[in-house]
Amino acid sequence: MRERLNAARRAFAKKRGAIPRGGEPLVLFGLLMLVPQVSYFDNPWLVMFFLVGLYAVLGFGLNVVVGFAGLLDLGYVAFFAAGAYALAILSSYGSPLHINLSFWLVIPMAVGIGALIGVLLGLPVLPLRGDYLAIVTLGFGEIIRIVLTNSEGLTNGAQGISAISTPSIVVRDIGLDKEVWYYFIVIAAFAVAIVTMRLRDARVGRAWEAIREDEDVAAAMGIDVVRYKLMAFATGAAIGAFGGAIYASFYGFINPSAFSLQVSIDVLAVVIIGGMGSIRGVVFGAFILKGIPELLQFKETADLLERLGWLRDGINRLVDGVNTLTAAHIGDLPPADTWGQEIADRRFIIFGALLVAIMILRPAGLFPSRRRQLEFAGAHEADDG
């Protein structure tokens, strides 16, 4: 088995050597920066791309906690909310505190607040693993939302905070300029991706992977499990708070209802479907789960699907035949202009079906990291042996 695993490592190393190190991310970054120059991509498209980029940033943060360190966190929305409210409270004219600080000054403060909350969450849950850790972090996320709702003197309660500051670049306020926001989120996502890749390949990343594989063995090998777990929580929380600050500034208004458990589930689904531990997987997962549902609601997409009406009609006739012969109750495909709403209404079913399908067909995710592929290959070899 060991010989086969070594052969697999050599094959991956050879494949990796075919492309210059760091070349793929730079090419992708260059292509993404050219997107707004295409006249076809107007504001709705740029907003969709912004949403994908935002969830990619959040996915990178949760990937540190779940993908690198193996800590199942269902309360990630708490860090997202912490960053959003830190920016809103410290920079908004509608804040009860009326501090009105600059966006660029508040951003590092929001990241620091998120990291501090991550450490405070990590301290009491250090002994917990698996399902118990997931339940406690889930409860923490819900507690944060309730605290935000009831702290009217600080957060305006359920009314929320409006008039949130936007970044100024060369004495120009971004405001509602969707093209500039697109560039902003691409640069932010690329920077966070580079940071997480560097952490993954550094000593701290190897320590996280050792803890993920077997915490007891990692401790026996001399790894300070407490320290590295807290570092994972703090890093993931800081990135989540960074994403929350961007979200609050982009929309200009937040209230507690925007920070429900569904946000944590969406980000976790992005990481799992894309491939835990994979930077590229997070990007594709964000596009699949957040971009495609938005894309299907565009008029251009409906027009394209309408041209395929003959295919939909043929499938519906086939479905009607199956229903007649088997007494089944399979529903017909909806008209093209309602696909986006149908998918939005049934997104939980679609997410669940995707997760089940990926667990069966691609247990490591759609685009797993090379290390995860080797781990799964080794596990299959061990089962066969």
Protein backbone atom coordinates (compact mmCIF):
# COMPACT_ATOMS: atom_id res chain seq x y z
CA MET A 1 0.00 0.00 0.00
CA ARG A 2 2.82 2.39 0.90
CA GLU A 3 4.43 1.90 -2.52
CA ARG A 4 1.17 2.77 -4.27
CA LEU A 5 0.71 5.87 -2.10
CA ASN A 6 4.27 7.00 -2.91
CA ALA A 7 3.58 6.46 -6.60
CA ALA A 8 0.45 8.61 -6.32
CA ARG A 9 2.49 11.36 -4.65
CA ARG A 10 5.05 11.28 -7.44
CA ALA A 11 2.30 11.45 -10.06
CA PHE A 12 0.74 14.52 -8.41
CA ALA A 13 4.14 16.16 -8.07
CA LYS A 14 4.87 15.57 -11.76
CA LYS A 15 1.49 16.99 -12.75
CA ARG A 16 2.05 20.02 -10.55
CA GLY A 17 5.41 20.64 -12.13
CA ALA A 18 3.84 20.98 -15.58
CA ILE A 19 2.49 24.41 -14.64
CA PRO A 20 4.70 27.14 -13.16
CA ARG A 21 4.09 27.56 -9.45
CA GLY A 22 1.69 30.44 -8.82
CA GLY A 23 0.84 30.79 -12.52
CA GLU A 24 -2.78 29.66 -12.37
CA PRO A 25 -3.93 32.16 -9.69
CA LEU A 26 -2.30 35.08 -11.52
CA VAL A 27 -3.92 34.12 -14.83
CA LEU A 28 -7.31 33.77 -13.15
CA PHE A 29 -6.87 37.11 -11.38
CA GLY A 30 -6.00 38.81 -14.67
CA LEU A 31 -9.07 37.37 -16.39
CA LEU A 32 -11.36 38.39 -13.55
CA MET A 33 -10.06 41.96 -13.65
CA LEU A 34 -11.09 42.17 -17.32
CA VAL A 35 -14.71 41.14 -16.70
CA PRO A 36 -16.15 44.67 -16.22
CA GLN A 37 -14.62 45.70 -19.55
CA VAL A 38 -17.06 43.35 -21.31
CA SER A 39 -20.09 45.49 -22.16
CA TYR A 40 -22.44 42.52 -21.73
CA PHE A 41 -21.79 42.39 -17.96
CA ASP A 42 -23.94 45.24 -16.64
CA ASN A 43 -24.79 46.03 -13.00
CA PRO A 44 -26.93 42.93 -12.23
CA TRP A 45 -24.10 40.71 -13.42
CA LEU A 46 -21.55 42.62 -11.36
CA VAL A 47 -23.75 42.31 -8.26
CA MET A 48 -23.94 38.56 -8.84
CA PHE A 49 -20.15 38.36 -9.19
CA PHE A 50 -19.80 40.45 -6.01
CA LEU A 51 -21.99 37.98 -4.11
CA VAL A 52 -19.89 35.07 -5.36
CA GLY A 53 -16.70 36.87 -4.34
CA LEU A 54 -18.10 37.67 -0.89
CA TYR A 55 -19.00 34.03 -0.24
CA ALA A 56 -15.60 33.01 -1.55
CA VAL A 57 -14.01 35.24 1.12
CA LEU A 58 -16.25 33.72 3.80
CA GLY A 59 -15.51 30.24 2.45
CA PHE A 60 -11.75 30.86 2.69
CA GLY A 61 -12.19 31.74 6.36
CA LEU A 62 -14.33 28.72 7.21
CA ASN A 63 -12.00 26.55 5.17
CA VAL A 64 -9.25 27.35 7.66
CA VAL A 65 -11.39 26.10 10.54
CA VAL A 66 -13.12 23.14 8.87
CA GLY A 67 -10.85 22.23 5.96
CA PHE A 68 -7.42 22.78 7.51
CA ALA A 69 -7.98 22.17 11.24
CA GLY A 70 -10.99 19.83 11.01
CA LEU A 71 -13.13 21.82 13.50
CA LEU A 72 -16.81 21.71 12.52
CA ASP A 73 -18.09 25.25 13.12
CA LEU A 74 -21.80 25.95 12.55
CA GLY A 75 -21.69 29.38 14.18
CA TYR A 76 -19.58 31.12 11.55
CA VAL A 77 -22.30 33.70 11.05
CA ALA A 78 -21.34 35.16 14.45
CA PHE A 79 -17.99 36.37 13.08
CA PHE A 80 -19.67 37.61 9.91
CA ALA A 81 -22.09 39.62 12.06
CA ALA A 82 -19.30 40.91 14.30
CA GLY A 83 -17.44 42.45 11.36
CA ALA A 84 -20.61 43.93 9.85
CA TYR A 85 -21.78 45.50 13.10
CA ALA A 86 -18.28 46.72 14.00
CA LEU A 87 -18.18 48.70 10.76
CA ALA A 88 -21.78 49.88 11.11
CA ILE A 89 -21.46 51.04 14.70
CA LEU A 90 -18.11 52.77 14.27
CA SER A 91 -18.63 54.39 10.86
CA SER A 92 -22.34 55.02 10.32
CA TYR A 93 -24.20 58.29 10.84
CA GLY A 94 -27.17 56.14 11.85
CA SER A 95 -25.26 54.44 14.67
CA PRO A 96 -26.30 55.25 18.26
CA LEU A 97 -22.65 56.06 19.05
CA HIS A 98 -22.22 58.66 16.23
CA ILE A 99 -18.47 58.02 15.93
CA ASN A 100 -18.30 58.22 12.10
CA LEU A 101 -14.82 56.81 11.58
CA SER A 102 -13.29 56.13 8.15
CA PHE A 103 -13.92 52.78 6.47
CA TRP A 104 -10.18 52.10 6.15
CA LEU A 105 -9.65 52.82 9.84
CA VAL A 106 -12.50 50.55 10.97
CA ILE A 107 -11.59 47.57 8.77
CA PRO A 108 -8.54 46.49 10.85
CA MET A 109 -10.56 47.11 14.02
CA ALA A 110 -13.36 44.87 12.72
CA VAL A 111 -10.85 42.15 11.82
CA GLY A 112 -9.32 42.40 15.30
CA ILE A 113 -12.75 42.23 16.97
CA GLY A 114 -13.57 39.14 14.90
CA ALA A 115 -10.30 37.46 15.89
CA LEU A 116 -10.94 38.25 19.57
CA ILE A 117 -14.44 36.77 19.40
CA GLY A 118 -12.96 33.70 17.68
CA VAL A 119 -10.55 33.19 20.58
CA LEU A 120 -13.32 33.72 23.14
CA LEU A 121 -15.42 31.10 21.34
CA GLY A 122 -12.49 28.72 21.04
CA LEU A 123 -11.55 28.73 24.72
CA PRO A 124 -14.67 26.98 26.11
CA VAL A 125 -15.01 24.53 23.20
CA LEU A 126 -11.40 23.28 23.13
CA PRO A 127 -12.26 19.88 24.69
CA LEU A 128 -15.15 19.30 22.26
CA ARG A 129 -15.00 17.46 18.96
CA GLY A 130 -17.29 16.48 16.11
CA ASP A 131 -21.03 16.78 16.70
CA TYR A 132 -20.65 18.34 20.15
CA LEU A 133 -18.49 21.14 18.75
CA ALA A 134 -21.01 21.72 15.95
CA ILE A 135 -23.93 22.00 18.40
CA VAL A 136 -22.12 24.45 20.70
CA THR A 137 -20.97 26.70 17.84
CA LEU A 138 -24.46 26.62 16.35
CA GLY A 139 -25.86 27.85 19.65
CA PHE A 140 -23.19 30.56 19.81
CA GLY A 141 -24.26 31.89 16.42
CA GLU A 142 -27.90 32.07 17.50
CA ILE A 143 -26.95 33.79 20.78
CA ILE A 144 -25.08 36.50 18.87
CA ARG A 145 -28.15 37.18 16.70
CA ILE A 146 -30.39 37.45 19.78
CA VAL A 147 -27.90 39.78 21.50
CA LEU A 148 -27.85 42.02 18.44
CA THR A 149 -31.65 42.13 18.42
CA ASN A 150 -31.93 43.08 22.09
CA SER A 151 -29.03 45.58 22.30
CA GLU A 152 -31.01 48.57 21.09
CA GLY A 153 -28.67 51.09 22.69
CA LEU A 154 -25.76 49.81 20.64
CA THR A 155 -27.19 48.16 17.51
CA ASN A 156 -30.64 49.81 17.15
CA GLY A 157 -32.15 46.37 17.75
CA ALA A 158 -34.39 44.95 15.04
CA GLN A 159 -34.47 48.32 13.22
CA GLY A 160 -30.82 47.89 12.21
CA ILE A 161 -28.27 50.50 11.17
CA SER A 162 -28.27 52.43 7.90
CA ALA A 163 -25.99 54.97 6.16
CA ILE A 164 -22.95 52.75 6.65
CA SER A 165 -19.64 54.16 5.41
CA THR A 166 -18.21 53.07 2.05
CA PRO A 167 -14.50 53.09 1.17
CA SER A 168 -12.94 56.09 -0.54
CA ILE A 169 -10.21 55.55 -3.12
CA VAL A 170 -8.14 58.57 -4.22
CA VAL A 171 -10.65 61.05 -2.75
CA ARG A 172 -13.46 59.27 -4.54
CA ASP A 173 -16.17 57.47 -2.59
CA ILE A 174 -17.14 54.12 -4.12
CA GLY A 175 -20.78 54.58 -3.12
CA LEU A 176 -23.03 52.56 -5.43
CA ASP A 177 -20.51 52.11 -8.26
CA LYS A 178 -20.90 48.38 -8.91
CA GLU A 179 -17.87 48.21 -11.19
CA VAL A 180 -15.54 49.55 -8.50
CA TRP A 181 -17.13 47.23 -5.93
CA TYR A 182 -16.44 44.33 -8.29
CA TYR A 183 -12.75 45.22 -8.45
CA PHE A 184 -12.73 45.66 -4.68
CA ILE A 185 -14.14 42.19 -3.93
CA VAL A 186 -11.87 40.49 -6.49
CA ILE A 187 -8.78 42.08 -4.94
CA ALA A 188 -10.02 41.27 -1.42
CA ALA A 189 -10.78 37.65 -2.30
CA PHE A 190 -7.43 37.22 -4.05
CA ALA A 191 -5.58 38.68 -1.04
CA VAL A 192 -7.42 36.38 1.41
CA ALA A 193 -6.77 33.39 -0.85
CA ILE A 194 -3.03 34.15 -0.92
CA VAL A 195 -2.96 34.48 2.88
CA THR A 196 -4.76 31.17 3.42
CA MET A 197 -2.53 29.39 0.90
CA ARG A 198 0.57 30.68 2.67
CA LEU A 199 -0.82 29.54 6.01
CA ARG A 200 -1.66 26.11 4.59
CA ASP A 201 1.89 25.58 3.35
CA ALA A 202 3.53 27.00 6.49
CA ARG A 203 4.29 25.23 9.75
CA VAL A 204 0.97 26.30 11.24
CA GLY A 205 -0.87 24.71 8.30
CA ARG A 206 0.91 21.39 8.80
CA ALA A 207 0.03 21.54 12.50
CA TRP A 208 -3.63 22.13 11.64
CA GLU A 209 -3.63 19.15 9.29
CA ALA A 210 -2.07 16.95 11.95
CA ILE A 211 -4.79 17.98 14.42
CA ARG A 212 -7.44 17.31 11.78
CA GLU A 213 -6.16 13.79 11.15
CA ASP A 214 -5.68 12.74 14.79
CA GLU A 215 -5.65 15.22 17.64
CA ASP A 216 -4.23 12.76 20.19
CA VAL A 217 -1.36 11.71 17.95
CA ALA A 218 -0.62 15.36 17.13
CA ALA A 219 -0.40 16.17 20.84
CA ALA A 220 1.87 13.16 21.41
CA MET A 221 4.18 14.43 18.64
CA GLY A 222 4.66 17.71 20.50
CA ILE A 223 2.11 19.95 18.73
CA ASP A 224 0.50 22.50 21.06
CA VAL A 225 -3.09 21.58 20.26
CA VAL A 226 -4.64 24.34 22.35
CA ARG A 227 -2.55 27.04 20.72
CA TYR A 228 -3.14 25.90 17.15
CA LYS A 229 -6.87 25.37 17.66
CA LEU A 230 -7.19 28.91 18.97
CA MET A 231 -5.15 30.17 16.02
CA ALA A 232 -7.54 28.39 13.64
CA PHE A 233 -10.60 29.93 15.29
CA ALA A 234 -9.00 33.39 15.38
CA THR A 235 -7.88 33.25 11.73
CA GLY A 236 -11.23 32.02 10.44
CA ALA A 237 -13.09 34.56 12.58
CA ALA A 238 -10.90 37.43 11.39
CA ILE A 239 -11.59 36.56 7.74
CA GLY A 240 -15.30 36.17 8.48
CA ALA A 241 -15.36 39.60 10.14
CA PHE A 242 -13.56 41.07 7.13
CA GLY A 243 -16.26 39.65 4.87
CA GLY A 244 -18.96 41.01 7.18
CA ALA A 245 -17.50 44.52 7.02
CA ILE A 246 -17.48 44.40 3.21
CA TYR A 247 -21.07 43.13 3.20
CA ALA A 248 -22.27 45.94 5.48
CA SER A 249 -20.51 48.62 3.44
CA PHE A 250 -21.81 47.30 0.11
CA TYR A 251 -25.48 47.15 1.12
CA GLY A 252 -25.34 50.20 3.40
CA PHE A 253 -27.87 48.72 5.84
CA ILE A 254 -27.87 45.74 8.21
CA ASN A 255 -30.19 44.29 10.83
CA PRO A 256 -30.11 41.05 12.86
CA SER A 257 -32.36 39.15 10.43
CA ALA A 258 -29.51 39.13 7.88
CA PHE A 259 -27.37 36.98 10.20
CA SER A 260 -29.37 33.80 10.59
CA LEU A 261 -28.18 30.19 10.75
CA GLN A 262 -28.73 29.95 6.99
CA VAL A 263 -25.57 32.02 6.40
CA SER A 264 -23.46 29.47 8.28
CA ILE A 265 -25.07 26.61 6.38
CA ASP A 266 -24.50 28.33 3.03
CA VAL A 267 -20.81 28.96 3.75
CA LEU A 268 -20.32 25.41 5.04
CA ALA A 269 -22.00 24.05 1.90
CA VAL A 270 -19.63 26.14 -0.22
CA VAL A 271 -16.63 24.56 1.52
CA ILE A 272 -17.92 20.97 1.47
CA ILE A 273 -19.21 20.97 -2.10
CA GLY A 274 -16.14 22.76 -3.43
CA GLY A 275 -13.73 20.54 -1.52
CA MET A 276 -12.51 20.96 2.05
CA GLY A 277 -8.98 22.29 2.23
CA SER A 278 -9.05 23.47 -1.39
CA ILE A 279 -8.75 27.14 -2.34
CA ARG A 280 -9.95 26.54 -5.88
CA GLY A 281 -12.80 24.41 -4.57
CA VAL A 282 -14.10 27.28 -2.43
CA VAL A 283 -14.28 29.57 -5.49
CA PHE A 284 -16.18 27.01 -7.55
CA GLY A 285 -18.42 26.14 -4.60
CA ALA A 286 -19.34 29.82 -4.16
CA PHE A 287 -20.19 30.11 -7.85
CA ILE A 288 -22.28 26.92 -7.84
CA LEU A 289 -24.27 27.69 -4.70
CA LYS A 290 -24.57 31.49 -4.88
CA GLY A 291 -23.88 32.43 -8.49
CA ILE A 292 -25.99 29.94 -10.43
CA PRO A 293 -29.27 30.59 -8.50
CA GLU A 294 -28.82 34.32 -9.18
CA LEU A 295 -27.84 33.68 -12.78
CA LEU A 296 -31.02 31.71 -13.44
CA GLN A 297 -33.11 34.73 -12.46
CA PHE A 298 -31.64 36.95 -15.19
CA LYS A 299 -33.76 37.76 -18.21
CA GLU A 300 -30.90 36.75 -20.52
CA THR A 301 -30.85 33.29 -18.95
CA ALA A 302 -34.63 32.95 -19.28
CA ASP A 303 -34.38 33.94 -22.96
CA LEU A 304 -31.68 31.31 -23.52
CA LEU A 305 -33.71 28.63 -21.77
CA GLU A 306 -36.77 29.63 -23.77
CA ARG A 307 -34.88 28.78 -26.96
CA LEU A 308 -34.55 25.27 -25.55
CA GLY A 309 -38.32 25.02 -25.07
CA TRP A 310 -38.48 22.08 -27.45
CA LEU A 311 -36.19 20.12 -25.14
CA ARG A 312 -38.28 21.00 -22.07
CA ASP A 313 -41.49 19.99 -23.87
CA GLY A 314 -39.94 16.67 -24.87
CA ILE A 315 -38.84 15.94 -21.31
CA ASN A 316 -42.29 16.87 -20.01
CA ARG A 317 -43.92 14.45 -22.46
CA LEU A 318 -41.54 11.74 -21.28
CA VAL A 319 -42.38 12.55 -17.65
CA ASP A 320 -46.12 12.37 -18.42
CA GLY A 321 -45.60 8.95 -19.97
CA VAL A 322 -43.72 7.68 -16.92
CA ASN A 323 -46.48 9.04 -14.66
CA THR A 324 -49.13 7.25 -16.71
CA LEU A 325 -47.33 3.89 -16.83
CA THR A 326 -46.11 3.78 -13.22
CA ALA A 327 -48.74 5.86 -11.40
CA ALA A 328 -45.88 8.12 -10.30
CA HIS A 329 -46.24 11.82 -9.55
CA ILE A 330 -43.11 13.36 -11.09
CA GLY A 331 -43.54 17.07 -11.70
CA ASP A 332 -43.02 18.71 -15.08
CA LEU A 333 -40.17 21.13 -15.77
CA PRO A 334 -41.39 24.72 -15.17
CA PRO A 335 -41.38 27.47 -17.82
CA ALA A 336 -38.00 29.10 -18.44
CA ASP A 337 -38.89 32.44 -16.84
CA THR A 338 -39.73 30.80 -13.48
CA TRP A 339 -36.62 28.62 -13.08
CA GLY A 340 -34.82 31.14 -10.89
CA GLN A 341 -37.75 31.45 -8.47
CA GLU A 342 -38.32 27.68 -8.45
CA ILE A 343 -34.70 27.08 -7.50
CA ALA A 344 -34.82 29.81 -4.82
CA ASP A 345 -37.94 28.23 -3.29
CA ARG A 346 -36.38 24.76 -3.30
CA ARG A 347 -32.80 25.70 -2.47
CA PHE A 348 -32.73 23.60 0.71
CA ILE A 349 -33.75 20.49 -1.22
CA ILE A 350 -31.17 21.25 -3.91
CA PHE A 351 -28.41 21.84 -1.34
CA GLY A 352 -29.28 18.57 0.41
CA ALA A 353 -29.35 16.63 -2.85
CA LEU A 354 -26.00 18.12 -3.88
CA LEU A 355 -24.42 17.20 -0.55
CA VAL A 356 -25.71 13.62 -0.73
CA ALA A 357 -24.57 13.24 -4.35
CA ILE A 358 -21.11 14.62 -3.58
CA MET A 359 -20.70 12.42 -0.50
CA ILE A 360 -21.40 9.41 -2.72
CA LEU A 361 -19.64 10.40 -5.95
CA ARG A 362 -16.96 12.85 -4.79
CA PRO A 363 -16.41 12.34 -1.03
CA ALA A 364 -13.49 14.80 -1.05
CA GLY A 365 -15.54 17.51 -2.86
CA LEU A 366 -15.67 18.66 -6.47
CA PHE A 367 -12.16 20.14 -6.46
CA PRO A 368 -10.34 18.70 -3.43
CA SER A 369 -6.84 19.71 -2.49
CA ARG A 370 -4.04 17.37 -3.57
CA ARG A 371 -3.38 16.39 0.02
CA ARG A 372 -7.01 15.44 0.55
CA GLN A 373 -6.91 13.38 -2.65
CA LEU A 374 -3.85 11.54 -1.38
CA GLU A 375 -5.52 10.94 1.99
CA PHE A 376 -8.61 9.47 0.34
CA ALA A 377 -6.44 7.42 -2.01
CA GLY A 378 -4.52 6.07 0.99
CA ALA A 379 -7.75 5.25 2.82
CA HIS A 380 -9.10 3.34 -0.20
CA GLU A 381 -5.82 1.46 -0.53
CA ALA A 382 -5.99 0.52 3.13
CA ASP A 383 -9.56 -0.73 2.74
CA ASP A 384 -8.55 -2.81 -0.30
CA GLY A 385 -5.51 -4.19 1.51
